[in-house]
C-alpha atoms as a PDB file:
ATOM      1  CA  UNK A   1     123.275 117.045  25.967  1.00  0.00           C
ATOM      2  CA  UNK A   2     124.984 120.471  26.815  1.00  0.00           C
ATOM      3  CA  UNK A   3     124.751 121.552  30.536  1.00  0.00           C
ATOM      4  CA  UNK A   4     125.300 125.211  31.445  1.00  0.00           C
ATOM      5  CA  UNK A   5     126.850 125.499  34.822  1.00  0.00           C
ATOM      6  CA  UNK A   6     128.764 128.074  36.962  1.00  0.00           C
ATOM      7  CA  UNK A   7     131.530 128.725  39.126  1.00  0.00           C
ATOM      8  CA  UNK A   8     130.531 129.028  42.805  1.00  0.00           C
ATOM      9  CA  UNK A   9     132.633 131.718  45.046  1.00  0.00           C
ATOM     10  CA  UNK A  10     135.538 131.314  45.078  1.00  0.00           C
ATOM     11  CA  UNK A  11     136.147 128.793  42.186  1.00  0.00           C
ATOM     12  CA  UNK A  12     138.212 131.014  39.138  1.00  0.00           C
ATOM     13  CA  UNK A  13     139.249 128.964  36.179  1.00  0.00           C
ATOM     14  CA  UNK A  14     141.056 129.718  32.895  1.00  0.00           C
ATOM     15  CA  UNK A  15     141.328 128.034  29.932  1.00  0.00           C
ATOM     16  CA  UNK A  16     144.980 127.111  28.540  1.00  0.00           C
ATOM     17  CA  UNK A  17     145.303 125.692  25.337  1.00  0.00           C
ATOM     18  CA  UNK A  18     143.197 122.381  25.228  1.00  0.00           C
ATOM     19  CA  UNK A  19     143.159 122.209  29.072  1.00  0.00           C
ATOM     20  CA  UNK A  20     141.315 124.591  31.978  1.00  0.00           C
ATOM     21  CA  UNK A  21     142.819 125.346  35.105  1.00  0.00           C
ATOM     22  CA  UNK A  22     140.687 125.473  38.286  1.00  0.00           C
ATOM     23  CA  UNK A  23     141.230 127.620  41.456  1.00  0.00           C
ATOM     24  CA  UNK A  24     139.443 127.210  44.315  1.00  0.00           C
ATOM     25  CA  UNK A  25     140.530 130.000  46.617  1.00  0.00           C
ATOM     26  CA  UNK A  26     138.717 128.540  49.772  1.00  0.00           C
ATOM     27  CA  UNK A  27     140.434 125.584  50.123  1.00  0.00           C
ATOM     28  CA  UNK A  28     143.998 127.115  48.531  1.00  0.00           C
ATOM     29  CA  UNK A  29     144.454 123.955  45.948  1.00  0.00           C
ATOM     30  CA  UNK A  30     144.115 124.086  42.032  1.00  0.00           C
ATOM     31  CA  UNK A  31     143.209 121.305  39.394  1.00  0.00           C
ATOM     32  CA  UNK A  32     144.272 120.766  35.667  1.00  0.00           C
ATOM     33  CA  UNK A  33     141.756 119.324  33.800  1.00  0.00           C
ATOM     34  CA  UNK A  34     143.514 118.010  30.351  1.00  0.00           C
ATOM     35  CA  UNK A  35     142.182 117.819  26.987  1.00  0.00           C
ATOM     36  CA  UNK A  36     138.815 119.371  28.534  1.00  0.00           C
ATOM     37  CA  UNK A  37     136.975 119.086  25.077  1.00  0.00           C
ATOM     38  CA  UNK A  38     133.626 118.368  26.665  1.00  0.00           C
ATOM     39  CA  UNK A  39     134.367 121.942  28.563  1.00  0.00           C
ATOM     40  CA  UNK A  40     133.232 125.612  27.534  1.00  0.00           C
ATOM     41  CA  UNK A  41     134.398 128.168  29.520  1.00  0.00           C
ATOM     42  CA  UNK A  42     132.937 131.672  28.929  1.00  0.00           C
ATOM     43  CA  UNK A  43     134.584 134.736  28.105  1.00  0.00           C
ATOM     44  CA  UNK A  44     133.635 136.257  31.681  1.00  0.00           C
ATOM     45  CA  UNK A  45     134.737 132.995  33.366  1.00  0.00           C
ATOM     46  CA  UNK A  46     131.718 132.735  35.308  1.00  0.00           C
ATOM     47  CA  UNK A  47     129.889 129.911  33.233  1.00  0.00           C
ATOM     48  CA  UNK A  48     131.146 126.503  32.128  1.00  0.00           C
ATOM     49  CA  UNK A  49     129.294 124.235  29.287  1.00  0.00           C
ATOM     50  CA  UNK A  50     130.024 120.703  30.061  1.00  0.00           C
ATOM     51  CA  UNK A  51     128.564 117.958  27.718  1.00  0.00           C
ATOM     52  CA  UNK A  52     130.916 115.085  28.814  1.00  0.00           C
ATOM     53  CA  UNK A  53     128.431 113.345  31.788  1.00  0.00           C
ATOM     54  CA  UNK A  54     131.426 111.889  33.889  1.00  0.00           C
ATOM     55  CA  UNK A  55     133.544 115.802  33.707  1.00  0.00           C
ATOM     56  CA  UNK A  56     129.745 116.980  35.500  1.00  0.00           C
ATOM     57  CA  UNK A  57     129.589 114.757  37.975  1.00  0.00           C
ATOM     58  CA  UNK A  58     133.337 115.038  38.890  1.00  0.00           C
ATOM     59  CA  UNK A  59     133.458 118.472  38.886  1.00  0.00           C
ATOM     60  CA  UNK A  60     130.189 118.583  40.855  1.00  0.00           C
ATOM     61  CA  UNK A  61     131.374 116.199  43.389  1.00  0.00           C
ATOM     62  CA  UNK A  62     134.468 118.664  44.083  1.00  0.00           C
ATOM     63  CA  UNK A  63     132.412 121.634  44.276  1.00  0.00           C
ATOM     64  CA  UNK A  64     133.888 123.406  41.601  1.00  0.00           C
ATOM     65  CA  UNK A  65     130.642 123.495  39.599  1.00  0.00           C
ATOM     66  CA  UNK A  66     127.340 124.597  40.133  1.00  0.00           C
ATOM     67  CA  UNK A  67     123.638 124.399  38.979  1.00  0.00           C
ATOM     68  CA  UNK A  68     122.762 127.932  40.776  1.00  0.00           C
ATOM     69  CA  UNK A  69     124.014 131.096  39.202  1.00  0.00           C
ATOM     70  CA  UNK A  70     125.995 132.826  42.168  1.00  0.00           C
ATOM     71  CA  UNK A  71     126.694 136.482  42.826  1.00  0.00           C
ATOM     72  CA  UNK A  72     130.346 136.990  41.129  1.00  0.00           C
ATOM     73  CA  UNK A  73     131.074 139.154  38.699  1.00  0.00           C
ATOM     74  CA  UNK A  74     133.102 138.832  35.811  1.00  0.00           C
ATOM     75  CA  UNK A  75     136.793 138.276  35.566  1.00  0.00           C
ATOM     76  CA  UNK A  76     139.073 141.133  36.086  1.00  0.00           C
ATOM     77  CA  UNK A  77     141.234 141.287  32.604  1.00  0.00           C
ATOM     78  CA  UNK A  78     144.743 143.118  33.442  1.00  0.00           C
ATOM     79  CA  UNK A  79     146.317 144.752  30.838  1.00  0.00           C
ATOM     80  CA  UNK A  80     148.900 143.094  28.714  1.00  0.00           C
ATOM     81  CA  UNK A  81     152.633 144.020  31.226  1.00  0.00           C
ATOM     82  CA  UNK A  82     154.805 145.880  28.683  1.00  0.00           C
ATOM     83  CA  UNK A  83     156.960 147.225  31.669  1.00  0.00           C
ATOM     84  CA  UNK A  84     158.289 146.476  34.790  1.00  0.00           C
ATOM     85  CA  UNK A  85     160.017 147.876  37.718  1.00  0.00           C
ATOM     86  CA  UNK A  86     162.584 144.884  38.035  1.00  0.00           C
ATOM     87  CA  UNK A  87     165.461 146.287  40.481  1.00  0.00           C
ATOM     88  CA  UNK A  88     168.956 147.778  39.747  1.00  0.00           C
ATOM     89  CA  UNK A  89     171.455 145.549  41.397  1.00  0.00           C
ATOM     90  CA  UNK A  90     174.083 147.773  41.979  1.00  0.00           C
ATOM     91  CA  UNK A  91     171.815 150.176  43.713  1.00  0.00           C
ATOM     92  CA  UNK A  92     172.916 150.554  47.170  1.00  0.00           C
ATOM     93  CA  UNK A  93     171.400 151.444  50.869  1.00  0.00           C
ATOM     94  CA  UNK A  94     169.280 154.528  50.949  1.00  0.00           C
ATOM     95  CA  UNK A  95     168.223 156.730  54.048  1.00  0.00           C
ATOM     96  CA  UNK A  96     164.761 155.073  55.434  1.00  0.00           C
ATOM     97  CA  UNK A  97     165.236 151.511  54.161  1.00  0.00           C
ATOM     98  CA  UNK A  98     166.114 150.307  57.598  1.00  0.00           C
ATOM     99  CA  UNK A  99     162.724 151.148  58.644  1.00  0.00           C
ATOM    100  CA  UNK A 100     160.882 150.037  55.584  1.00  0.00           C
ATOM    101  CA  UNK A 101     163.261 146.752  56.598  1.00  0.00           C
ATOM    102  CA  UNK A 102     162.316 146.267  59.988  1.00  0.00           C
ATOM    103  CA  UNK A 103     158.256 146.910  59.090  1.00  0.00           C
ATOM    104  CA  UNK A 104     158.217 144.369  56.280  1.00  0.00           C
ATOM    105  CA  UNK A 105     160.357 141.558  58.354  1.00  0.00           C
ATOM    106  CA  UNK A 106     157.557 142.411  61.425  1.00  0.00           C
ATOM    107  CA  UNK A 107     154.667 141.595  58.353  1.00  0.00           C
ATOM    108  CA  UNK A 108     156.675 138.325  57.056  1.00  0.00           C
ATOM    109  CA  UNK A 109     157.036 137.120  60.889  1.00  0.00           C
ATOM    110  CA  UNK A 110     154.113 138.249  62.829  1.00  0.00           C
ATOM    111  CA  UNK A 111     151.196 138.996  60.184  1.00  0.00           C
ATOM    112  CA  UNK A 112     151.573 136.788  57.072  1.00  0.00           C
ATOM    113  CA  UNK A 113     151.859 133.638  58.832  1.00  0.00           C
ATOM    114  CA  UNK A 114     148.370 134.045  60.341  1.00  0.00           C
ATOM    115  CA  UNK A 115     146.721 134.648  57.010  1.00  0.00           C
ATOM    116  CA  UNK A 116     145.016 131.946  54.816  1.00  0.00           C
ATOM    117  CA  UNK A 117     144.541 132.278  51.413  1.00  0.00           C
ATOM    118  CA  UNK A 118     141.504 133.482  51.649  1.00  0.00           C
ATOM    119  CA  UNK A 119     142.547 136.036  53.935  1.00  0.00           C
ATOM    120  CA  UNK A 120     145.473 137.544  51.456  1.00  0.00           C
ATOM    121  CA  UNK A 121     142.772 137.912  48.522  1.00  0.00           C
ATOM    122  CA  UNK A 122     140.598 139.484  50.861  1.00  0.00           C
ATOM    123  CA  UNK A 123     143.431 141.877  52.011  1.00  0.00           C
ATOM    124  CA  UNK A 124     144.208 142.130  48.290  1.00  0.00           C
ATOM    125  CA  UNK A 125     140.950 143.280  47.395  1.00  0.00           C
ATOM    126  CA  UNK A 126     140.641 146.103  50.103  1.00  0.00           C
ATOM    127  CA  UNK A 127     141.278 148.957  48.182  1.00  0.00           C
ATOM    128  CA  UNK A 128     143.009 151.821  49.706  1.00  0.00           C
ATOM    129  CA  UNK A 129     141.393 154.953  50.278  1.00  0.00           C
ATOM    130  CA  UNK A 130     141.132 156.904  46.910  1.00  0.00           C
ATOM    131  CA  UNK A 131     144.191 154.725  45.407  1.00  0.00           C
ATOM    132  CA  UNK A 132     144.037 153.891  42.021  1.00  0.00           C
ATOM    133  CA  UNK A 133     145.343 150.201  41.722  1.00  0.00           C
ATOM    134  CA  UNK A 134     145.109 150.997  37.614  1.00  0.00           C
ATOM    135  CA  UNK A 135     146.925 153.560  37.276  1.00  0.00           C
ATOM    136  CA  UNK A 136     150.587 153.323  35.805  1.00  0.00           C
ATOM    137  CA  UNK A 137     153.430 154.195  38.756  1.00  0.00           C
ATOM    138  CA  UNK A 138     153.910 157.347  39.361  1.00  0.00           C
ATOM    139  CA  UNK A 139     157.209 158.834  40.573  1.00  0.00           C
ATOM    140  CA  UNK A 140     156.259 157.905  44.535  1.00  0.00           C
ATOM    141  CA  UNK A 141     155.265 154.590  43.605  1.00  0.00           C
ATOM    142  CA  UNK A 142     158.245 154.337  41.481  1.00  0.00           C
ATOM    143  CA  UNK A 143     161.042 155.163  44.587  1.00  0.00           C
ATOM    144  CA  UNK A 144     159.042 152.888  47.050  1.00  0.00           C
ATOM    145  CA  UNK A 145     159.397 149.842  44.694  1.00  0.00           C
ATOM    146  CA  UNK A 146     163.222 150.888  44.077  1.00  0.00           C
ATOM    147  CA  UNK A 147     163.765 150.919  47.291  1.00  0.00           C
ATOM    148  CA  UNK A 148     161.576 147.686  48.477  1.00  0.00           C
ATOM    149  CA  UNK A 149     163.801 145.781  45.616  1.00  0.00           C
ATOM    150  CA  UNK A 150     166.918 147.281  47.685  1.00  0.00           C
ATOM    151  CA  UNK A 151     166.063 145.573  50.669  1.00  0.00           C
ATOM    152  CA  UNK A 152     163.193 142.726  49.884  1.00  0.00           C
ATOM    153  CA  UNK A 153     166.350 140.177  50.360  1.00  0.00           C
ATOM    154  CA  UNK A 154     167.127 141.313  53.792  1.00  0.00           C
ATOM    155  CA  UNK A 155     163.454 139.963  54.644  1.00  0.00           C
ATOM    156  CA  UNK A 156     162.349 136.471  55.752  1.00  0.00           C
ATOM    157  CA  UNK A 157     161.364 134.150  52.777  1.00  0.00           C
ATOM    158  CA  UNK A 158     162.226 137.062  49.891  1.00  0.00           C
ATOM    159  CA  UNK A 159     161.944 134.932  46.865  1.00  0.00           C
ATOM    160  CA  UNK A 160     158.688 133.652  47.457  1.00  0.00           C
ATOM    161  CA  UNK A 161     156.455 135.379  44.983  1.00  0.00           C
ATOM    162  CA  UNK A 162     153.113 135.069  47.330  1.00  0.00           C
ATOM    163  CA  UNK A 163     155.347 136.914  50.377  1.00  0.00           C
ATOM    164  CA  UNK A 164     157.052 139.003  48.662  1.00  0.00           C
ATOM    165  CA  UNK A 165     154.055 140.419  46.674  1.00  0.00           C
ATOM    166  CA  UNK A 166     151.934 141.246  50.350  1.00  0.00           C
ATOM    167  CA  UNK A 167     155.290 142.601  51.629  1.00  0.00           C
ATOM    168  CA  UNK A 168     155.009 145.257  48.659  1.00  0.00           C
ATOM    169  CA  UNK A 169     151.508 145.953  48.861  1.00  0.00           C
ATOM    170  CA  UNK A 170     151.960 146.305  52.734  1.00  0.00           C
ATOM    171  CA  UNK A 171     154.687 148.947  52.186  1.00  0.00           C
ATOM    172  CA  UNK A 172     152.507 150.517  49.224  1.00  0.00           C
ATOM    173  CA  UNK A 173     149.523 151.033  51.504  1.00  0.00           C
ATOM    174  CA  UNK A 174     150.933 152.266  53.624  1.00  0.00           C
ATOM    175  CA  UNK A 175     151.938 155.108  51.642  1.00  0.00           C
ATOM    176  CA  UNK A 176     148.513 155.664  50.434  1.00  0.00           C
ATOM    177  CA  UNK A 177     149.012 153.799  47.229  1.00  0.00           C
ATOM    178  CA  UNK A 178     147.938 150.774  45.829  1.00  0.00           C
ATOM    179  CA  UNK A 179     148.070 148.009  42.852  1.00  0.00           C
ATOM    180  CA  UNK A 180     146.353 144.852  41.178  1.00  0.00           C
ATOM    181  CA  UNK A 181     147.249 141.601  42.725  1.00  0.00           C
ATOM    182  CA  UNK A 182     147.714 139.240  39.591  1.00  0.00           C
ATOM    183  CA  UNK A 183     147.541 135.619  40.334  1.00  0.00           C
ATOM    184  CA  UNK A 184     148.503 132.953  37.259  1.00  0.00           C
ATOM    185  CA  UNK A 185     149.311 129.731  36.296  1.00  0.00           C
ATOM    186  CA  UNK A 186     151.266 127.725  33.732  1.00  0.00           C
ATOM    187  CA  UNK A 187     151.092 123.807  32.558  1.00  0.00           C
ATOM    188  CA  UNK A 188     153.423 121.599  31.616  1.00  0.00           C
ATOM    189  CA  UNK A 189     154.587 121.179  33.598  1.00  0.00           C
ATOM    190  CA  UNK A 190     151.935 123.187  36.293  1.00  0.00           C
ATOM    191  CA  UNK A 191     153.168 125.770  38.062  1.00  0.00           C
ATOM    192  CA  UNK A 192     151.303 128.923  40.220  1.00  0.00           C
ATOM    193  CA  UNK A 193     152.427 132.123  40.117  1.00  0.00           C
ATOM    194  CA  UNK A 194     151.973 135.777  40.970  1.00  0.00           C
ATOM    195  CA  UNK A 195     152.622 139.811  41.116  1.00  0.00           C
ATOM    196  CA  UNK A 196     151.509 143.336  41.545  1.00  0.00           C
ATOM    197  CA  UNK A 197     150.997 145.204  39.006  1.00  0.00           C
ATOM    198  CA  UNK A 198     149.943 149.041  38.229  1.00  0.00           C
ATOM    199  CA  UNK A 199     148.597 149.631  34.963  1.00  0.00           C
ATOM    200  CA  UNK A 200     150.441 147.891  32.553  1.00  0.00           C
ATOM    201  CA  UNK A 201     153.513 147.739  34.627  1.00  0.00           C
ATOM    202  CA  UNK A 202     155.137 144.924  36.936  1.00  0.00           C
ATOM    203  CA  UNK A 203     156.067 145.985  40.277  1.00  0.00           C
ATOM    204  CA  UNK A 204     157.897 142.931  41.513  1.00  0.00           C
ATOM    205  CA  UNK A 205     159.030 140.413  38.021  1.00  0.00           C
ATOM    206  CA  UNK A 206     160.656 140.671  35.205  1.00  0.00           C
ATOM    207  CA  UNK A 207     157.767 141.321  32.407  1.00  0.00           C
ATOM    208  CA  UNK A 208     159.551 138.584  29.959  1.00  0.00           C
ATOM    209  CA  UNK A 209     159.278 135.827  32.588  1.00  0.00           C
ATOM    210  CA  UNK A 210     155.422 136.122  32.551  1.00  0.00           C
ATOM    211  CA  UNK A 211     155.223 135.729  29.270  1.00  0.00           C
ATOM    212  CA  UNK A 212     154.224 131.630  30.300  1.00  0.00           C
ATOM    213  CA  UNK A 213     151.869 131.952  32.629  1.00  0.00           C
ATOM    214  CA  UNK A 214     147.983 133.321  32.487  1.00  0.00           C
ATOM    215  CA  UNK A 215     146.430 134.882  34.929  1.00  0.00           C
ATOM    216  CA  UNK A 216     143.403 133.446  37.148  1.00  0.00           C
ATOM    217  CA  UNK A 217     142.800 135.948  39.456  1.00  0.00           C
ATOM    218  CA  UNK A 218     142.853 139.450  40.076  1.00  0.00           C
ATOM    219  CA  UNK A 219     142.504 141.710  42.767  1.00  0.00           C
END
């Protein structure tokens, strides 16, 4: 018998081949369910049909599914990346970089460490006024992102995707701009990754490196 269950807030899921990966955003934990033959994830990623009784018990015990429908909307599907603003390594420092570097260093050392993963998602989902996160980058965004890539490596922990995207999003919002924050996963080996995207353009990673990842949450 197949039981229809629902993904409660704040659980998200994506099927990758024969596996399903779950993200519990409140607990900041991932779970990969390999060979998920007895699980069927709906297109909107909010419902999970389960025909495996043991899987039903385990997933309910872990708080990853519920038999009561919640209020979460469908998954926000990001456009397929077709371009990126990955940096030109030969660019040199310019006027204004120092001010942005100081602000980003403040964000990295005093703001970011105080935030839980759920706090970061709440920040990502708080849209800037009159901003259009799904539009392709305009000249101002391209200028700011290019500057970010010039000085970002001088900030604390610049190589970590989570803090890098946080710092860039803070920079964009200081200038009235916005972008989508895409959280993704891959399996075998398992790895979680994230980046910022405006329309179909990746802002803080190389597009070709992202083909192995599957978005699980977009804010």
